[in-house]
Amino acid sequence: MNRRARFEYEFIDTFEAGIMLQGTEVKSLRAGEANIADAYCYFKGADLYIRNLYIKEYKHGSDANHDPKRQRKLLLKKRELKKLDKKIKEKGLTIVPIKLY
């Protein structure tokens, strides 16, 4: 949970999204090796991505291990993406993750 975001931002709306992950990222998340304190979301074309979400490298991973702070695509419905994109452009709002499970 991103407790710092509760103090720094006012929440207008919340959404639940999936994240596209690699195999070693899933194993690290199951072990509780993630940090969303510095993470934020941004649009790249019509897709929404999360940046600075830290997922520790899997200790038993090989050379196919993931980059801990790589950008990851968020999975939302098209109407939710359009709604978020519209709000960001007209009001200058920011999208921050508050919970990871």
N, C-alpha and C. Protein backbone atom coordinates (compact mmCIF):
# COMPACT_ATOMS: atom_id res chain seq x y z
N MET A 1 0.84 -1.18 0.00
CA MET A 1 0.00 0.00 0.00
C MET A 1 0.88 1.24 0.00
N ASN A 2 0.50 2.22 -0.79
CA ASN A 2 1.24 3.47 -0.90
C ASN A 2 0.64 4.49 0.07
N ARG A 3 1.10 4.46 1.30
CA ARG A 3 0.56 5.34 2.35
C ARG A 3 0.91 6.81 2.11
N ARG A 4 2.09 7.05 1.53
CA ARG A 4 2.52 8.42 1.29
C ARG A 4 1.58 9.13 0.31
N ALA A 5 1.04 8.40 -0.64
CA ALA A 5 0.14 8.99 -1.63
C ALA A 5 -1.12 9.54 -0.96
N ARG A 6 -1.58 8.91 0.09
CA ARG A 6 -2.78 9.37 0.79
C ARG A 6 -2.59 10.77 1.38
N PHE A 7 -1.34 11.10 1.76
CA PHE A 7 -1.06 12.42 2.33
C PHE A 7 -0.76 13.46 1.25
N GLU A 8 -0.15 13.04 0.14
CA GLU A 8 0.28 13.97 -0.88
C GLU A 8 -0.76 14.27 -1.95
N TYR A 9 -1.76 13.40 -2.11
CA TYR A 9 -2.74 13.57 -3.17
C TYR A 9 -4.16 13.48 -2.63
N GLU A 10 -5.05 14.11 -3.35
CA GLU A 10 -6.48 13.98 -3.08
C GLU A 10 -7.03 13.02 -4.13
N PHE A 11 -7.71 11.99 -3.70
CA PHE A 11 -8.23 10.98 -4.62
C PHE A 11 -9.61 11.39 -5.12
N ILE A 12 -9.75 11.44 -6.43
CA ILE A 12 -11.02 11.78 -7.06
C ILE A 12 -11.75 10.50 -7.46
N ASP A 13 -11.02 9.54 -7.98
CA ASP A 13 -11.61 8.30 -8.46
C ASP A 13 -10.58 7.18 -8.31
N THR A 14 -11.05 5.96 -8.19
CA THR A 14 -10.14 4.81 -8.12
C THR A 14 -10.54 3.78 -9.17
N PHE A 15 -9.55 3.10 -9.71
CA PHE A 15 -9.74 2.05 -10.69
C PHE A 15 -8.90 0.84 -10.27
N GLU A 16 -9.33 -0.32 -10.69
CA GLU A 16 -8.57 -1.54 -10.47
C GLU A 16 -8.08 -2.01 -11.83
N ALA A 17 -6.76 -2.21 -11.95
CA ALA A 17 -6.18 -2.58 -13.24
C ALA A 17 -5.27 -3.78 -13.08
N GLY A 18 -5.13 -4.53 -14.14
CA GLY A 18 -4.16 -5.61 -14.20
C GLY A 18 -2.82 -5.07 -14.68
N ILE A 19 -1.77 -5.85 -14.50
CA ILE A 19 -0.44 -5.45 -14.95
C ILE A 19 0.14 -6.58 -15.79
N MET A 20 0.75 -6.24 -16.92
CA MET A 20 1.42 -7.25 -17.73
C MET A 20 2.78 -7.54 -17.08
N LEU A 21 2.99 -8.76 -16.65
CA LEU A 21 4.21 -9.14 -15.94
C LEU A 21 4.95 -10.26 -16.65
N GLN A 22 6.25 -10.36 -16.38
CA GLN A 22 7.05 -11.49 -16.84
C GLN A 22 7.04 -12.56 -15.76
N GLY A 23 7.50 -13.75 -16.06
CA GLY A 23 7.45 -14.87 -15.13
C GLY A 23 8.16 -14.65 -13.82
N THR A 24 9.36 -14.07 -13.86
CA THR A 24 10.10 -13.87 -12.62
C THR A 24 9.49 -12.76 -11.77
N GLU A 25 8.78 -11.83 -12.41
CA GLU A 25 8.10 -10.78 -11.64
C GLU A 25 6.97 -11.36 -10.81
N VAL A 26 6.27 -12.31 -11.35
CA VAL A 26 5.17 -12.95 -10.63
C VAL A 26 5.70 -13.64 -9.38
N LYS A 27 6.81 -14.33 -9.51
CA LYS A 27 7.39 -15.04 -8.37
C LYS A 27 7.88 -14.07 -7.30
N SER A 28 8.46 -12.95 -7.70
CA SER A 28 8.90 -11.95 -6.74
C SER A 28 7.73 -11.30 -6.03
N LEU A 29 6.65 -11.04 -6.76
CA LEU A 29 5.46 -10.45 -6.13
C LEU A 29 4.84 -11.40 -5.12
N ARG A 30 4.80 -12.67 -5.44
CA ARG A 30 4.26 -13.65 -4.49
C ARG A 30 5.09 -13.71 -3.22
N ALA A 31 6.38 -13.40 -3.33
CA ALA A 31 7.27 -13.37 -2.17
C ALA A 31 7.19 -12.04 -1.43
N GLY A 32 6.40 -11.09 -1.95
CA GLY A 32 6.25 -9.79 -1.29
C GLY A 32 7.39 -8.84 -1.53
N GLU A 33 8.07 -8.96 -2.65
CA GLU A 33 9.25 -8.16 -2.95
C GLU A 33 8.93 -7.03 -3.92
N ALA A 34 8.04 -6.11 -3.53
CA ALA A 34 7.67 -4.99 -4.40
C ALA A 34 7.51 -3.71 -3.59
N ASN A 35 7.67 -2.56 -4.28
CA ASN A 35 7.53 -1.26 -3.65
C ASN A 35 6.88 -0.30 -4.66
N ILE A 36 5.77 0.31 -4.28
CA ILE A 36 5.08 1.24 -5.17
C ILE A 36 5.20 2.69 -4.72
N ALA A 37 6.07 2.98 -3.79
CA ALA A 37 6.17 4.33 -3.22
C ALA A 37 6.49 5.40 -4.26
N ASP A 38 7.35 5.13 -5.22
CA ASP A 38 7.76 6.14 -6.21
C ASP A 38 7.06 5.95 -7.56
N ALA A 39 6.11 5.05 -7.64
CA ALA A 39 5.49 4.72 -8.92
C ALA A 39 4.46 5.76 -9.35
N TYR A 40 4.33 5.91 -10.66
CA TYR A 40 3.31 6.77 -11.25
C TYR A 40 2.90 6.19 -12.60
N CYS A 41 1.78 6.65 -13.12
CA CYS A 41 1.25 6.13 -14.38
C CYS A 41 1.23 7.23 -15.42
N TYR A 42 1.37 6.84 -16.69
CA TYR A 42 1.35 7.79 -17.78
C TYR A 42 0.82 7.11 -19.04
N PHE A 43 0.31 7.92 -19.96
CA PHE A 43 -0.19 7.41 -21.23
C PHE A 43 0.92 7.45 -22.27
N LYS A 44 0.99 6.38 -23.04
CA LYS A 44 1.90 6.28 -24.18
C LYS A 44 1.02 5.81 -25.33
N GLY A 45 0.62 6.75 -26.16
CA GLY A 45 -0.38 6.45 -27.19
C GLY A 45 -1.73 6.28 -26.50
N ALA A 46 -2.39 5.17 -26.79
CA ALA A 46 -3.69 4.90 -26.16
C ALA A 46 -3.56 3.97 -24.97
N ASP A 47 -2.34 3.57 -24.62
CA ASP A 47 -2.11 2.62 -23.53
C ASP A 47 -1.61 3.33 -22.28
N LEU A 48 -1.93 2.75 -21.13
CA LEU A 48 -1.50 3.29 -19.84
C LEU A 48 -0.38 2.43 -19.29
N TYR A 49 0.70 3.06 -18.87
CA TYR A 49 1.87 2.36 -18.34
C TYR A 49 2.16 2.83 -16.93
N ILE A 50 2.84 1.98 -16.17
CA ILE A 50 3.29 2.34 -14.83
C ILE A 50 4.82 2.35 -14.85
N ARG A 51 5.39 3.37 -14.25
CA ARG A 51 6.84 3.51 -14.21
C ARG A 51 7.29 3.62 -12.76
N ASN A 52 8.49 3.15 -12.48
CA ASN A 52 9.12 3.17 -11.16
C ASN A 52 8.46 2.25 -10.15
N LEU A 53 7.70 1.28 -10.62
CA LEU A 53 7.20 0.22 -9.74
C LEU A 53 8.35 -0.75 -9.56
N TYR A 54 8.87 -0.84 -8.34
CA TYR A 54 10.03 -1.67 -8.07
C TYR A 54 9.59 -3.08 -7.71
N ILE A 55 10.00 -4.04 -8.52
CA ILE A 55 9.79 -5.46 -8.22
C ILE A 55 11.18 -6.09 -8.21
N LYS A 56 11.60 -6.53 -7.04
CA LYS A 56 12.94 -7.07 -6.87
C LYS A 56 13.19 -8.25 -7.81
N GLU A 57 14.44 -8.36 -8.29
CA GLU A 57 14.79 -9.50 -9.13
C GLU A 57 14.61 -10.79 -8.35
N TYR A 58 14.13 -11.81 -9.03
CA TYR A 58 13.90 -13.10 -8.40
C TYR A 58 15.25 -13.75 -8.11
N LYS A 59 15.47 -14.15 -6.86
CA LYS A 59 16.79 -14.65 -6.46
C LYS A 59 17.17 -15.95 -7.14
N HIS A 60 16.21 -16.75 -7.56
CA HIS A 60 16.52 -18.00 -8.24
C HIS A 60 16.41 -17.86 -9.76
N GLY A 61 16.26 -16.62 -10.23
CA GLY A 61 16.14 -16.37 -11.67
C GLY A 61 17.49 -16.51 -12.36
N SER A 62 17.44 -16.75 -13.66
CA SER A 62 18.67 -16.91 -14.43
C SER A 62 18.94 -15.61 -15.19
N ASP A 63 19.59 -15.72 -16.32
CA ASP A 63 19.87 -14.55 -17.14
C ASP A 63 18.59 -13.95 -17.73
N ALA A 64 17.49 -14.66 -17.63
CA ALA A 64 16.19 -14.17 -18.12
C ALA A 64 15.45 -13.36 -17.05
N ASN A 65 16.14 -12.98 -15.99
CA ASN A 65 15.51 -12.19 -14.93
C ASN A 65 15.10 -10.82 -15.46
N HIS A 66 14.16 -10.18 -14.82
CA HIS A 66 13.60 -8.91 -15.28
C HIS A 66 14.36 -7.71 -14.73
N ASP A 67 14.17 -6.55 -15.36
CA ASP A 67 14.69 -5.28 -14.86
C ASP A 67 13.75 -4.81 -13.75
N PRO A 68 14.26 -4.52 -12.54
CA PRO A 68 13.40 -4.20 -11.40
C PRO A 68 12.49 -2.99 -11.59
N LYS A 69 12.89 -1.98 -12.36
CA LYS A 69 12.08 -0.76 -12.50
C LYS A 69 11.61 -0.53 -13.93
N ARG A 70 11.42 -1.58 -14.68
CA ARG A 70 10.99 -1.40 -16.07
C ARG A 70 9.55 -0.89 -16.11
N GLN A 71 9.19 -0.27 -17.23
CA GLN A 71 7.80 0.17 -17.38
C GLN A 71 6.94 -1.03 -17.69
N ARG A 72 5.73 -1.03 -17.14
CA ARG A 72 4.81 -2.15 -17.32
C ARG A 72 3.46 -1.62 -17.78
N LYS A 73 2.85 -2.34 -18.68
CA LYS A 73 1.56 -1.93 -19.22
C LYS A 73 0.45 -2.29 -18.25
N LEU A 74 -0.46 -1.35 -18.05
CA LEU A 74 -1.64 -1.59 -17.21
C LEU A 74 -2.80 -2.01 -18.10
N LEU A 75 -3.59 -2.92 -17.59
CA LEU A 75 -4.70 -3.47 -18.36
C LEU A 75 -6.03 -2.95 -17.82
N LEU A 76 -6.66 -2.10 -18.60
CA LEU A 76 -7.97 -1.52 -18.27
C LEU A 76 -8.88 -1.64 -19.48
N LYS A 77 -10.18 -1.48 -19.26
CA LYS A 77 -11.13 -1.47 -20.37
C LYS A 77 -10.98 -0.16 -21.15
N LYS A 78 -11.34 -0.19 -22.42
CA LYS A 78 -11.18 0.98 -23.29
C LYS A 78 -11.92 2.20 -22.75
N ARG A 79 -13.11 2.00 -22.24
CA ARG A 79 -13.87 3.16 -21.75
C ARG A 79 -13.21 3.76 -20.50
N GLU A 80 -12.58 2.92 -19.68
CA GLU A 80 -11.86 3.44 -18.51
C GLU A 80 -10.62 4.21 -18.95
N LEU A 81 -9.91 3.70 -19.95
CA LEU A 81 -8.73 4.41 -20.46
C LEU A 81 -9.12 5.76 -21.05
N LYS A 82 -10.21 5.82 -21.80
CA LYS A 82 -10.66 7.08 -22.38
C LYS A 82 -11.05 8.08 -21.29
N LYS A 83 -11.71 7.59 -20.26
CA LYS A 83 -12.13 8.45 -19.16
C LYS A 83 -10.91 9.04 -18.44
N LEU A 84 -9.92 8.20 -18.17
CA LEU A 84 -8.70 8.67 -17.50
C LEU A 84 -7.93 9.66 -18.38
N ASP A 85 -7.79 9.34 -19.65
CA ASP A 85 -7.06 10.21 -20.56
C ASP A 85 -7.72 11.58 -20.65
N LYS A 86 -9.04 11.59 -20.71
CA LYS A 86 -9.78 12.85 -20.78
C LYS A 86 -9.58 13.68 -19.52
N LYS A 87 -9.64 13.03 -18.34
CA LYS A 87 -9.46 13.75 -17.07
C LYS A 87 -8.06 14.33 -16.95
N ILE A 88 -7.06 13.57 -17.36
CA ILE A 88 -5.67 14.04 -17.25
C ILE A 88 -5.44 15.25 -18.14
N LYS A 89 -5.97 15.21 -19.34
CA LYS A 89 -5.74 16.31 -20.30
C LYS A 89 -6.45 17.59 -19.91
N GLU A 90 -7.67 17.50 -19.40
CA GLU A 90 -8.42 18.72 -19.12
C GLU A 90 -8.13 19.32 -17.75
N LYS A 91 -7.78 18.52 -16.77
CA LYS A 91 -7.58 19.05 -15.42
C LYS A 91 -6.14 19.02 -14.94
N GLY A 92 -5.26 18.34 -15.67
CA GLY A 92 -3.87 18.26 -15.24
C GLY A 92 -3.69 17.38 -14.02
N LEU A 93 -4.43 16.30 -13.94
CA LEU A 93 -4.35 15.37 -12.81
C LEU A 93 -3.24 14.35 -13.01
N THR A 94 -2.91 13.62 -11.96
CA THR A 94 -1.89 12.59 -11.99
C THR A 94 -2.50 11.26 -11.58
N ILE A 95 -2.00 10.19 -12.16
CA ILE A 95 -2.47 8.85 -11.80
C ILE A 95 -1.36 8.19 -10.97
N VAL A 96 -1.68 7.81 -9.73
CA VAL A 96 -0.72 7.14 -8.87
C VAL A 96 -1.31 5.84 -8.36
N PRO A 97 -0.50 4.80 -8.28
CA PRO A 97 -0.99 3.53 -7.72
C PRO A 97 -1.02 3.61 -6.20
N ILE A 98 -2.05 3.02 -5.60
CA ILE A 98 -2.14 3.06 -4.15
C ILE A 98 -2.10 1.69 -3.51
N LYS A 99 -2.34 0.64 -4.30
CA LYS A 99 -2.38 -0.69 -3.73
C LYS A 99 -1.94 -1.71 -4.77
N LEU A 100 -1.20 -2.71 -4.33
CA LEU A 100 -0.73 -3.78 -5.20
C LEU A 100 -1.01 -5.11 -4.53
N TYR A 101 -1.73 -5.98 -5.20
CA TYR A 101 -2.04 -7.29 -4.63
C TYR A 101 -2.12 -8.34 -5.70
